[in-house]
Each structure stands twice: as C-alpha cells, then as structure tokens.
Amino acid sequence: MSEEIKIEESSGNVFLDIGFSEEEAEYEQLRSYLAYHVYRLFEELKLTSTKAETHFGIDPNDVSRIQDGDFHLFTVPQLIILLKRLNRNIEIRITPSDEKGGHLHLVTT
C-alpha cells in the first residue's frame, strides 16, 4: 500500500509557509534576499577574507559567515552596509499600498 503525498502550494514566502507572522515573514525574506546578493557579490568578485578587508573594509569574519551561508546573525541594516561597501547603490522607495499595513519588497537589477 502506498502512502499518499500531500502537496501544498507555496505562498511565495517560505517563512510565511513555515508559520512566521506576515510581518516577520516579509522581514526574513527581505533579509534573505539581501544576504543572497551579498553572497553572490563575494562569489563574483572572488573575495577572500583578506581582499574584502583590504579593498572594502569588510570584517573577515563577516566574509566567512556569508560564504558559509550563516546569515542569521546579520540584520537588514548590516546587509545594506555590506552592499554599500561593495559599491552597490541602495534605493528605498516608499509608495502607497492598496492593502492595510503595506509590504516590504525588494527589487533588484
């Protein structure tokens, strides 16, 4: 006898799907996206801990944590600072929301 597998469609935010409140889930998703972009830049620039510290003033321990996928210690402001140090422009746009409470959303180019 085979066991039936239940498949549930994602909301598009894994943090919401695993039980975070909507506010917490949006923040965690934003934080994850920012950390992913920092990670990708480290890869793209082939940054070593020494090079990151010398050229960008980034703590070598932060480089190691990001490269190891250990993002949980970084806040959104810390990740924004890392992106800025990596010569990236950060834009924050505030627009009216059609829904109560508004939403956090990241758009990248």
PDB file of N, CA and C in Angstrom:
ATOM      1  N   MET A   1       0.843  -1.164   0.000  1.00  0.00           N
ATOM      2  CA  MET A   1       0.000   0.000   0.000  1.00  0.00           C
ATOM      3  C   MET A   1       0.898   1.240   0.000  1.00  0.00           C
ATOM      4  N   SER A   2       0.655   2.165  -0.907  1.00  0.00           N
ATOM      5  CA  SER A   2       1.482   3.373  -0.986  1.00  0.00           C
ATOM      6  C   SER A   2       0.829   4.500  -0.193  1.00  0.00           C
ATOM      7  N   GLU A   3       1.704   5.314   0.373  1.00  0.00           N
ATOM      8  CA  GLU A   3       1.239   6.448   1.172  1.00  0.00           C
ATOM      9  C   GLU A   3       1.022   7.649   0.251  1.00  0.00           C
ATOM     10  N   GLU A   4      -0.082   8.335   0.432  1.00  0.00           N
ATOM     11  CA  GLU A   4      -0.377   9.496  -0.385  1.00  0.00           C
ATOM     12  C   GLU A   4       0.448  10.682   0.110  1.00  0.00           C
ATOM     13  N   ILE A   5       1.062  11.380  -0.833  1.00  0.00           N
ATOM     14  CA  ILE A   5       1.870  12.549  -0.501  1.00  0.00           C
ATOM     15  C   ILE A   5       1.020  13.793  -0.699  1.00  0.00           C
ATOM     16  N   LYS A   6       0.950  14.590   0.350  1.00  0.00           N
ATOM     17  CA  LYS A   6       0.173  15.819   0.290  1.00  0.00           C
ATOM     18  C   LYS A   6       1.074  16.941  -0.234  1.00  0.00           C
ATOM     19  N   ILE A   7       0.630  17.609  -1.269  1.00  0.00           N
ATOM     20  CA  ILE A   7       1.373  18.723  -1.848  1.00  0.00           C
ATOM     21  C   ILE A   7       0.581  19.993  -1.606  1.00  0.00           C
ATOM     22  N   GLU A   8       1.278  20.975  -1.064  1.00  0.00           N
ATOM     23  CA  GLU A   8       0.636  22.251  -0.768  1.00  0.00           C
ATOM     24  C   GLU A   8       1.359  23.348  -1.543  1.00  0.00           C
ATOM     25  N   GLU A   9       0.607  24.211  -2.208  1.00  0.00           N
ATOM     26  CA  GLU A   9       1.197  25.286  -2.983  1.00  0.00           C
ATOM     27  C   GLU A   9       1.786  26.340  -2.047  1.00  0.00           C
ATOM     28  N   SER A  10       2.960  26.847  -2.413  1.00  0.00           N
ATOM     29  CA  SER A  10       3.641  27.864  -1.608  1.00  0.00           C
ATOM     30  C   SER A  10       2.961  29.217  -1.753  1.00  0.00           C
ATOM     31  N   SER A  11       3.087  30.005  -0.721  1.00  0.00           N
ATOM     32  CA  SER A  11       2.578  31.377  -0.753  1.00  0.00           C
ATOM     33  C   SER A  11       3.550  32.285  -1.512  1.00  0.00           C
ATOM     34  N   GLY A  12       4.765  31.780  -1.763  1.00  0.00           N
ATOM     35  CA  GLY A  12       5.813  32.591  -2.366  1.00  0.00           C
ATOM     36  C   GLY A  12       6.801  33.101  -1.329  1.00  0.00           C
ATOM     37  N   ASN A  13       6.508  32.870  -0.062  1.00  0.00           N
ATOM     38  CA  ASN A  13       7.399  33.254   1.022  1.00  0.00           C
ATOM     39  C   ASN A  13       7.523  32.056   1.962  1.00  0.00           C
ATOM     40  N   VAL A  14       8.675  31.410   1.932  1.00  0.00           N
ATOM     41  CA  VAL A  14       8.887  30.200   2.719  1.00  0.00           C
ATOM     42  C   VAL A  14       8.693  30.457   4.214  1.00  0.00           C
ATOM     43  N   PHE A  15       9.021  31.665   4.669  1.00  0.00           N
ATOM     44  CA  PHE A  15       8.892  31.972   6.095  1.00  0.00           C
ATOM     45  C   PHE A  15       7.421  32.034   6.515  1.00  0.00           C
ATOM     46  N   LEU A  16       6.594  32.535   5.635  1.00  0.00           N
ATOM     47  CA  LEU A  16       5.154  32.542   5.891  1.00  0.00           C
ATOM     48  C   LEU A  16       4.630  31.107   5.884  1.00  0.00           C
ATOM     49  N   ASP A  17       5.135  30.316   4.943  1.00  0.00           N
ATOM     50  CA  ASP A  17       4.695  28.918   4.823  1.00  0.00           C
ATOM     51  C   ASP A  17       5.039  28.081   6.058  1.00  0.00           C
ATOM     52  N   ILE A  18       6.137  28.420   6.741  1.00  0.00           N
ATOM     53  CA  ILE A  18       6.517  27.619   7.915  1.00  0.00           C
ATOM     54  C   ILE A  18       6.016  28.200   9.230  1.00  0.00           C
ATOM     55  N   GLY A  19       5.188  29.261   9.145  1.00  0.00           N
ATOM     56  CA  GLY A  19       4.497  29.700  10.348  1.00  0.00           C
ATOM     57  C   GLY A  19       4.857  31.050  10.924  1.00  0.00           C
ATOM     58  N   PHE A  20       5.761  31.788  10.289  1.00  0.00           N
ATOM     59  CA  PHE A  20       6.047  33.140  10.774  1.00  0.00           C
ATOM     60  C   PHE A  20       4.823  34.015  10.531  1.00  0.00           C
ATOM     61  N   SER A  21       4.688  35.069  11.331  1.00  0.00           N
ATOM     62  CA  SER A  21       3.626  36.037  11.069  1.00  0.00           C
ATOM     63  C   SER A  21       3.948  36.719   9.742  1.00  0.00           C
ATOM     64  N   GLU A  22       2.968  37.386   9.149  1.00  0.00           N
ATOM     65  CA  GLU A  22       3.197  38.035   7.860  1.00  0.00           C
ATOM     66  C   GLU A  22       4.305  39.084   7.956  1.00  0.00           C
ATOM     67  N   GLU A  23       4.300  39.861   9.020  1.00  0.00           N
ATOM     68  CA  GLU A  23       5.316  40.897   9.207  1.00  0.00           C
ATOM     69  C   GLU A  23       6.714  40.292   9.352  1.00  0.00           C
ATOM     70  N   GLU A  24       6.823  39.264  10.193  1.00  0.00           N
ATOM     71  CA  GLU A  24       8.117  38.597  10.386  1.00  0.00           C
ATOM     72  C   GLU A  24       8.584  37.919   9.095  1.00  0.00           C
ATOM     73  N   ALA A  25       7.665  37.292   8.390  1.00  0.00           N
ATOM     74  CA  ALA A  25       8.000  36.582   7.153  1.00  0.00           C
ATOM     75  C   ALA A  25       8.526  37.541   6.088  1.00  0.00           C
ATOM     76  N   GLU A  26       7.921  38.705   5.965  1.00  0.00           N
ATOM     77  CA  GLU A  26       8.391  39.694   4.990  1.00  0.00           C
ATOM     78  C   GLU A  26       9.796  40.177   5.344  1.00  0.00           C
ATOM     79  N   TYR A  27      10.025  40.432   6.628  1.00  0.00           N
ATOM     80  CA  TYR A  27      11.342  40.888   7.065  1.00  0.00           C
ATOM     81  C   TYR A  27      12.394  39.810   6.796  1.00  0.00           C
ATOM     82  N   GLU A  28      12.088  38.573   7.163  1.00  0.00           N
ATOM     83  CA  GLU A  28      13.046  37.478   6.970  1.00  0.00           C
ATOM     84  C   GLU A  28      13.323  37.224   5.494  1.00  0.00           C
ATOM     85  N   GLN A  29      12.310  37.351   4.668  1.00  0.00           N
ATOM     86  CA  GLN A  29      12.509  37.169   3.235  1.00  0.00           C
ATOM     87  C   GLN A  29      13.403  38.289   2.683  1.00  0.00           C
ATOM     88  N   LEU A  30      13.168  39.513   3.102  1.00  0.00           N
ATOM     89  CA  LEU A  30      13.996  40.640   2.685  1.00  0.00           C
ATOM     90  C   LEU A  30      15.443  40.416   3.128  1.00  0.00           C
ATOM     91  N   ARG A  31      15.619  40.009   4.356  1.00  0.00           N
ATOM     92  CA  ARG A  31      16.959  39.756   4.901  1.00  0.00           C
ATOM     93  C   ARG A  31      17.654  38.654   4.106  1.00  0.00           C
ATOM     94  N   SER A  32      16.924  37.612   3.761  1.00  0.00           N
ATOM     95  CA  SER A  32      17.491  36.504   2.983  1.00  0.00           C
ATOM     96  C   SER A  32      17.899  36.946   1.585  1.00  0.00           C
ATOM     97  N   TYR A  33      17.066  37.744   0.948  1.00  0.00           N
ATOM     98  CA  TYR A  33      17.400  38.255  -0.389  1.00  0.00           C
ATOM     99  C   TYR A  33      18.651  39.122  -0.343  1.00  0.00           C
ATOM    100  N   LEU A  34      18.748  39.999   0.639  1.00  0.00           N
ATOM    101  CA  LEU A  34      19.923  40.852   0.759  1.00  0.00           C
ATOM    102  C   LEU A  34      21.178  40.012   1.007  1.00  0.00           C
ATOM    103  N   ALA A  35      21.068  39.031   1.901  1.00  0.00           N
ATOM    104  CA  ALA A  35      22.211  38.158   2.196  1.00  0.00           C
ATOM    105  C   ALA A  35      22.627  37.387   0.946  1.00  0.00           C
ATOM    106  N   TYR A  36      21.661  36.933   0.177  1.00  0.00           N
ATOM    107  CA  TYR A  36      21.962  36.216  -1.065  1.00  0.00           C
ATOM    108  C   TYR A  36      22.727  37.123  -2.026  1.00  0.00           C
ATOM    109  N   HIS A  37      22.330  38.385  -2.140  1.00  0.00           N
ATOM    110  CA  HIS A  37      23.020  39.306  -3.042  1.00  0.00           C
ATOM    111  C   HIS A  37      24.442  39.601  -2.557  1.00  0.00           C
ATOM    112  N   VAL A  38      24.638  39.717  -1.270  1.00  0.00           N
ATOM    113  CA  VAL A  38      25.988  39.891  -0.734  1.00  0.00           C
ATOM    114  C   VAL A  38      26.820  38.651  -1.078  1.00  0.00           C
ATOM    115  N   TYR A  39      26.253  37.485  -0.851  1.00  0.00           N
ATOM    116  CA  TYR A  39      26.948  36.226  -1.153  1.00  0.00           C
ATOM    117  C   TYR A  39      27.350  36.168  -2.628  1.00  0.00           C
ATOM    118  N   ARG A  40      26.412  36.485  -3.519  1.00  0.00           N
ATOM    119  CA  ARG A  40      26.689  36.452  -4.964  1.00  0.00           C
ATOM    120  C   ARG A  40      27.799  37.433  -5.338  1.00  0.00           C
ATOM    121  N   LEU A  41      27.816  38.604  -4.717  1.00  0.00           N
ATOM    122  CA  LEU A  41      28.883  39.576  -4.988  1.00  0.00           C
ATOM    123  C   LEU A  41      30.233  39.061  -4.506  1.00  0.00           C
ATOM    124  N   PHE A  42      30.258  38.430  -3.344  1.00  0.00           N
ATOM    125  CA  PHE A  42      31.505  37.834  -2.862  1.00  0.00           C
ATOM    126  C   PHE A  42      32.019  36.817  -3.884  1.00  0.00           C
ATOM    127  N   GLU A  43      31.117  35.996  -4.407  1.00  0.00           N
ATOM    128  CA  GLU A  43      31.488  34.996  -5.408  1.00  0.00           C
ATOM    129  C   GLU A  43      31.965  35.665  -6.697  1.00  0.00           C
ATOM    130  N   GLU A  44      31.194  36.625  -7.168  1.00  0.00           N
ATOM    131  CA  GLU A  44      31.504  37.325  -8.422  1.00  0.00           C
ATOM    132  C   GLU A  44      32.863  38.033  -8.347  1.00  0.00           C
ATOM    133  N   LEU A  45      33.138  38.650  -7.217  1.00  0.00           N
ATOM    134  CA  LEU A  45      34.389  39.387  -7.029  1.00  0.00           C
ATOM    135  C   LEU A  45      35.530  38.490  -6.554  1.00  0.00           C
ATOM    136  N   LYS A  46      35.220  37.204  -6.351  1.00  0.00           N
ATOM    137  CA  LYS A  46      36.208  36.231  -5.848  1.00  0.00           C
ATOM    138  C   LYS A  46      36.911  36.756  -4.594  1.00  0.00           C
ATOM    139  N   LEU A  47      36.093  37.247  -3.669  1.00  0.00           N
ATOM    140  CA  LEU A  47      36.632  37.861  -2.456  1.00  0.00           C
ATOM    141  C   LEU A  47      37.138  36.830  -1.470  1.00  0.00           C
ATOM    142  N   THR A  48      38.342  37.036  -1.033  1.00  0.00           N
ATOM    143  CA  THR A  48      38.868  36.306   0.111  1.00  0.00           C
ATOM    144  C   THR A  48      38.643  37.212   1.319  1.00  0.00           C
ATOM    145  N   SER A  49      38.811  36.677   2.497  1.00  0.00           N
ATOM    146  CA  SER A  49      38.652  37.486   3.704  1.00  0.00           C
ATOM    147  C   SER A  49      39.628  38.658   3.698  1.00  0.00           C
ATOM    148  N   THR A  50      40.863  38.392   3.287  1.00  0.00           N
ATOM    149  CA  THR A  50      41.887  39.442   3.262  1.00  0.00           C
ATOM    150  C   THR A  50      41.558  40.517   2.244  1.00  0.00           C
ATOM    151  N   LYS A  51      41.161  40.107   1.040  1.00  0.00           N
ATOM    152  CA  LYS A  51      40.824  41.066  -0.018  1.00  0.00           C
ATOM    153  C   LYS A  51      39.612  41.915   0.389  1.00  0.00           C
ATOM    154  N   ALA A  52      38.623  41.289   1.011  1.00  0.00           N
ATOM    155  CA  ALA A  52      37.421  42.022   1.441  1.00  0.00           C
ATOM    156  C   ALA A  52      37.774  43.079   2.475  1.00  0.00           C
ATOM    157  N   GLU A  53      38.672  42.728   3.383  1.00  0.00           N
ATOM    158  CA  GLU A  53      39.072  43.685   4.416  1.00  0.00           C
ATOM    159  C   GLU A  53      39.915  44.807   3.810  1.00  0.00           C
ATOM    160  N   THR A  54      40.869  44.451   2.956  1.00  0.00           N
ATOM    161  CA  THR A  54      41.783  45.433   2.364  1.00  0.00           C
ATOM    162  C   THR A  54      41.078  46.390   1.415  1.00  0.00           C
ATOM    163  N   HIS A  55      40.273  45.854   0.513  1.00  0.00           N
ATOM    164  CA  HIS A  55      39.659  46.674  -0.533  1.00  0.00           C
ATOM    165  C   HIS A  55      38.320  47.299  -0.152  1.00  0.00           C
ATOM    166  N   PHE A  56      37.581  46.640   0.755  1.00  0.00           N
ATOM    167  CA  PHE A  56      36.228  47.110   1.049  1.00  0.00           C
ATOM    168  C   PHE A  56      35.984  47.412   2.526  1.00  0.00           C
ATOM    169  N   GLY A  57      36.965  47.166   3.374  1.00  0.00           N
ATOM    170  CA  GLY A  57      36.803  47.430   4.802  1.00  0.00           C
ATOM    171  C   GLY A  57      35.792  46.515   5.471  1.00  0.00           C
ATOM    172  N   ILE A  58      35.666  45.306   4.954  1.00  0.00           N
ATOM    173  CA  ILE A  58      34.694  44.347   5.491  1.00  0.00           C
ATOM    174  C   ILE A  58      35.395  43.392   6.446  1.00  0.00           C
ATOM    175  N   ASP A  59      34.804  43.199   7.610  1.00  0.00           N
ATOM    176  CA  ASP A  59      35.346  42.286   8.621  1.00  0.00           C
ATOM    177  C   ASP A  59      35.505  40.887   8.018  1.00  0.00           C
ATOM    178  N   PRO A  60      36.710  40.291   8.109  1.00  0.00           N
ATOM    179  CA  PRO A  60      36.931  38.955   7.559  1.00  0.00           C
ATOM    180  C   PRO A  60      35.975  37.899   8.118  1.00  0.00           C
ATOM    181  N   ASN A  61      35.570  38.054   9.379  1.00  0.00           N
ATOM    182  CA  ASN A  61      34.618  37.103   9.968  1.00  0.00           C
ATOM    183  C   ASN A  61      33.265  37.175   9.267  1.00  0.00           C
ATOM    184  N   ASP A  62      32.868  38.385   8.848  1.00  0.00           N
ATOM    185  CA  ASP A  62      31.612  38.543   8.116  1.00  0.00           C
ATOM    186  C   ASP A  62      31.687  37.835   6.767  1.00  0.00           C
ATOM    187  N   VAL A  63      32.840  37.927   6.116  1.00  0.00           N
ATOM    188  CA  VAL A  63      33.017  37.247   4.829  1.00  0.00           C
ATOM    189  C   VAL A  63      32.858  35.745   5.027  1.00  0.00           C
ATOM    190  N   SER A  64      33.510  35.208   6.034  1.00  0.00           N
ATOM    191  CA  SER A  64      33.420  33.766   6.306  1.00  0.00           C
ATOM    192  C   SER A  64      31.988  33.350   6.600  1.00  0.00           C
ATOM    193  N   ARG A  65      31.281  34.130   7.408  1.00  0.00           N
ATOM    194  CA  ARG A  65      29.897  33.784   7.750  1.00  0.00           C
ATOM    195  C   ARG A  65      29.014  33.771   6.501  1.00  0.00           C
ATOM    196  N   ILE A  66      29.161  34.804   5.665  1.00  0.00           N
ATOM    197  CA  ILE A  66      28.351  34.883   4.442  1.00  0.00           C
ATOM    198  C   ILE A  66      28.686  33.714   3.523  1.00  0.00           C
ATOM    199  N   GLN A  67      29.977  33.440   3.321  1.00  0.00           N
ATOM    200  CA  GLN A  67      30.388  32.357   2.430  1.00  0.00           C
ATOM    201  C   GLN A  67      29.922  30.992   2.938  1.00  0.00           C
ATOM    202  N   ASP A  68      29.785  30.856   4.252  1.00  0.00           N
ATOM    203  CA  ASP A  68      29.306  29.607   4.841  1.00  0.00           C
ATOM    204  C   ASP A  68      27.779  29.522   4.885  1.00  0.00           C
ATOM    205  N   GLY A  69      27.111  30.591   4.426  1.00  0.00           N
ATOM    206  CA  GLY A  69      25.650  30.608   4.444  1.00  0.00           C
ATOM    207  C   GLY A  69      25.072  30.862   5.822  1.00  0.00           C
ATOM    208  N   ASP A  70      25.874  31.405   6.715  1.00  0.00           N
ATOM    209  CA  ASP A  70      25.444  31.679   8.090  1.00  0.00           C
ATOM    210  C   ASP A  70      24.947  33.118   8.173  1.00  0.00           C
ATOM    211  N   PHE A  71      23.718  33.337   7.688  1.00  0.00           N
ATOM    212  CA  PHE A  71      23.171  34.687   7.553  1.00  0.00           C
ATOM    213  C   PHE A  71      22.399  35.154   8.786  1.00  0.00           C
ATOM    214  N   HIS A  72      22.073  34.255   9.682  1.00  0.00           N
ATOM    215  CA  HIS A  72      21.133  34.592  10.758  1.00  0.00           C
ATOM    216  C   HIS A  72      21.624  35.689  11.703  1.00  0.00           C
ATOM    217  N   LEU A  73      22.922  35.954  11.734  1.00  0.00           N
ATOM    218  CA  LEU A  73      23.440  36.990  12.624  1.00  0.00           C
ATOM    219  C   LEU A  73      23.371  38.393  12.026  1.00  0.00           C
ATOM    220  N   PHE A  74      23.047  38.494  10.734  1.00  0.00           N
ATOM    221  CA  PHE A  74      23.040  39.786  10.047  1.00  0.00           C
ATOM    222  C   PHE A  74      21.645  40.396  10.040  1.00  0.00           C
ATOM    223  N   THR A  75      21.591  41.690  10.324  1.00  0.00           N
ATOM    224  CA  THR A  75      20.329  42.421  10.241  1.00  0.00           C
ATOM    225  C   THR A  75      20.224  43.061   8.859  1.00  0.00           C
ATOM    226  N   VAL A  76      19.051  43.531   8.507  1.00  0.00           N
ATOM    227  CA  VAL A  76      18.864  44.228   7.233  1.00  0.00           C
ATOM    228  C   VAL A  76      19.813  45.426   7.139  1.00  0.00           C
ATOM    229  N   PRO A  77      19.918  46.291   8.176  1.00  0.00           N
ATOM    230  CA  PRO A  77      20.864  47.412   8.070  1.00  0.00           C
ATOM    231  C   PRO A  77      22.318  46.968   7.858  1.00  0.00           C
ATOM    232  N   GLN A  78      22.744  45.897   8.526  1.00  0.00           N
ATOM    233  CA  GLN A  78      24.115  45.405   8.345  1.00  0.00           C
ATOM    234  C   GLN A  78      24.342  44.932   6.909  1.00  0.00           C
ATOM    235  N   LEU A  79      23.370  44.253   6.338  1.00  0.00           N
ATOM    236  CA  LEU A  79      23.500  43.762   4.966  1.00  0.00           C
ATOM    237  C   LEU A  79      23.506  44.918   3.971  1.00  0.00           C
ATOM    238  N   ILE A  80      22.719  45.948   4.245  1.00  0.00           N
ATOM    239  CA  ILE A  80      22.717  47.132   3.385  1.00  0.00           C
ATOM    240  C   ILE A  80      24.091  47.802   3.426  1.00  0.00           C
ATOM    241  N   ILE A  81      24.688  47.886   4.591  1.00  0.00           N
ATOM    242  CA  ILE A  81      26.022  48.471   4.722  1.00  0.00           C
ATOM    243  C   ILE A  81      27.043  47.636   3.935  1.00  0.00           C
ATOM    244  N   LEU A  82      26.946  46.312   4.024  1.00  0.00           N
ATOM    245  CA  LEU A  82      27.858  45.451   3.257  1.00  0.00           C
ATOM    246  C   LEU A  82      27.696  45.694   1.756  1.00  0.00           C
ATOM    247  N   LEU A  83      26.461  45.789   1.290  1.00  0.00           N
ATOM    248  CA  LEU A  83      26.219  46.040  -0.134  1.00  0.00           C
ATOM    249  C   LEU A  83      26.791  47.395  -0.557  1.00  0.00           C
ATOM    250  N   LYS A  84      26.625  48.379   0.290  1.00  0.00           N
ATOM    251  CA  LYS A  84      27.159  49.715   0.004  1.00  0.00           C
ATOM    252  C   LYS A  84      28.682  49.668  -0.079  1.00  0.00           C
ATOM    253  N   ARG A  85      29.308  48.959   0.830  1.00  0.00           N
ATOM    254  CA  ARG A  85      30.772  48.821   0.806  1.00  0.00           C
ATOM    255  C   ARG A  85      31.244  48.071  -0.445  1.00  0.00           C
ATOM    256  N   LEU A  86      30.377  47.252  -0.997  1.00  0.00           N
ATOM    257  CA  LEU A  86      30.695  46.513  -2.224  1.00  0.00           C
ATOM    258  C   LEU A  86      30.329  47.320  -3.473  1.00  0.00           C
ATOM    259  N   ASN A  87      30.219  48.626  -3.291  1.00  0.00           N
ATOM    260  CA  ASN A  87      29.955  49.568  -4.397  1.00  0.00           C
ATOM    261  C   ASN A  87      28.602  49.350  -5.060  1.00  0.00           C
ATOM    262  N   ARG A  88      27.596  49.095  -4.274  1.00  0.00           N
ATOM    263  CA  ARG A  88      26.243  48.954  -4.799  1.00  0.00           C
ATOM    264  C   ARG A  88      25.393  50.102  -4.289  1.00  0.00           C
ATOM    265  N   ASN A  89      24.563  50.619  -5.159  1.00  0.00           N
ATOM    266  CA  ASN A  89      23.607  51.650  -4.775  1.00  0.00           C
ATOM    267  C   ASN A  89      22.398  50.971  -4.150  1.00  0.00           C
ATOM    268  N   ILE A  90      21.891  51.550  -3.097  1.00  0.00           N
ATOM    269  CA  ILE A  90      20.704  51.049  -2.421  1.00  0.00           C
ATOM    270  C   ILE A  90      19.640  52.137  -2.515  1.00  0.00           C
ATOM    271  N   GLU A  91      18.483  51.794  -3.028  1.00  0.00           N
ATOM    272  CA  GLU A  91      17.374  52.740  -3.100  1.00  0.00           C
ATOM    273  C   GLU A  91      16.229  52.208  -2.260  1.00  0.00           C
ATOM    274  N   ILE A  92      15.670  53.075  -1.463  1.00  0.00           N
ATOM    275  CA  ILE A  92      14.483  52.713  -0.687  1.00  0.00           C
ATOM    276  C   ILE A  92      13.352  53.576  -1.209  1.00  0.00           C
ATOM    277  N   ARG A  93      12.322  52.931  -1.679  1.00  0.00           N
ATOM    278  CA  ARG A  93      11.191  53.652  -2.269  1.00  0.00           C
ATOM    279  C   ARG A  93       9.954  53.395  -1.411  1.00  0.00           C
ATOM    280  N   ILE A  94       9.273  54.449  -1.063  1.00  0.00           N
ATOM    281  CA  ILE A  94       8.052  54.336  -0.265  1.00  0.00           C
ATOM    282  C   ILE A  94       6.886  54.744  -1.146  1.00  0.00           C
ATOM    283  N   THR A  95       5.925  53.830  -1.289  1.00  0.00           N
ATOM    284  CA  THR A  95       4.761  54.078  -2.132  1.00  0.00           C
ATOM    285  C   THR A  95       3.491  53.717  -1.363  1.00  0.00           C
ATOM    286  N   PRO A  96       2.360  54.285  -1.754  1.00  0.00           N
ATOM    287  CA  PRO A  96       1.102  53.911  -1.100  1.00  0.00           C
ATOM    288  C   PRO A  96       0.775  52.439  -1.367  1.00  0.00           C
ATOM    289  N   SER A  97       0.096  51.827  -0.428  1.00  0.00           N
ATOM    290  CA  SER A  97      -0.308  50.431  -0.571  1.00  0.00           C
ATOM    291  C   SER A  97      -1.817  50.345  -0.734  1.00  0.00           C
ATOM    292  N   ASP A  98      -2.242  49.391  -1.553  1.00  0.00           N
ATOM    293  CA  ASP A  98      -3.671  49.141  -1.708  1.00  0.00           C
ATOM    294  C   ASP A  98      -4.210  48.309  -0.549  1.00  0.00           C
ATOM    295  N   GLU A  99      -3.278  47.743   0.230  1.00  0.00           N
ATOM    296  CA  GLU A  99      -3.676  46.888   1.342  1.00  0.00           C
ATOM    297  C   GLU A  99      -3.327  47.562   2.666  1.00  0.00           C
ATOM    298  N   LYS A 100      -4.004  47.157   3.717  1.00  0.00           N
ATOM    299  CA  LYS A 100      -3.726  47.685   5.046  1.00  0.00           C
ATOM    300  C   LYS A 100      -2.339  47.212   5.506  1.00  0.00           C
ATOM    301  N   GLY A 101      -1.547  48.120   5.993  1.00  0.00           N
ATOM    302  CA  GLY A 101      -0.258  47.755   6.567  1.00  0.00           C
ATOM    303  C   GLY A 101       0.927  47.849   5.632  1.00  0.00           C
ATOM    304  N   GLY A 102       0.739  47.822   4.336  1.00  0.00           N
ATOM    305  CA  GLY A 102       1.862  47.885   3.412  1.00  0.00           C
ATOM    306  C   GLY A 102       2.703  46.626   3.436  1.00  0.00           C
ATOM    307  N   HIS A 103       3.729  46.596   2.594  1.00  0.00           N
ATOM    308  CA  HIS A 103       4.588  45.403   2.470  1.00  0.00           C
ATOM    309  C   HIS A 103       6.029  45.799   2.236  1.00  0.00           C
ATOM    310  N   LEU A 104       6.949  44.914   2.636  1.00  0.00           N
ATOM    311  CA  LEU A 104       8.366  45.047   2.314  1.00  0.00           C
ATOM    312  C   LEU A 104       8.583  44.280   1.019  1.00  0.00           C
ATOM    313  N   HIS A 105       9.331  44.887   0.104  1.00  0.00           N
ATOM    314  CA  HIS A 105       9.552  44.245  -1.186  1.00  0.00           C
ATOM    315  C   HIS A 105      10.907  44.672  -1.718  1.00  0.00           C
ATOM    316  N   LEU A 106      11.674  43.732  -2.254  1.00  0.00           N
ATOM    317  CA  LEU A 106      12.985  44.032  -2.801  1.00  0.00           C
ATOM    318  C   LEU A 106      12.953  43.880  -4.309  1.00  0.00           C
ATOM    319  N   VAL A 107      13.439  44.894  -5.000  1.00  0.00           N
ATOM    320  CA  VAL A 107      13.556  44.858  -6.450  1.00  0.00           C
ATOM    321  C   VAL A 107      15.026  45.038  -6.777  1.00  0.00           C
ATOM    322  N   THR A 108      15.586  44.142  -7.570  1.00  0.00           N
ATOM    323  CA  THR A 108      17.000  44.251  -7.928  1.00  0.00           C
ATOM    324  C   THR A 108      17.154  44.353  -9.427  1.00  0.00           C
ATOM    325  N   THR A 109      18.300  44.901  -9.821  1.00  0.00           N
ATOM    326  CA  THR A 109      18.608  44.971 -11.249  1.00  0.00           C
ATOM    327  C   THR A 109      19.930  44.311 -11.518  1.00  0.00           C
TER     328      THR A 109
END
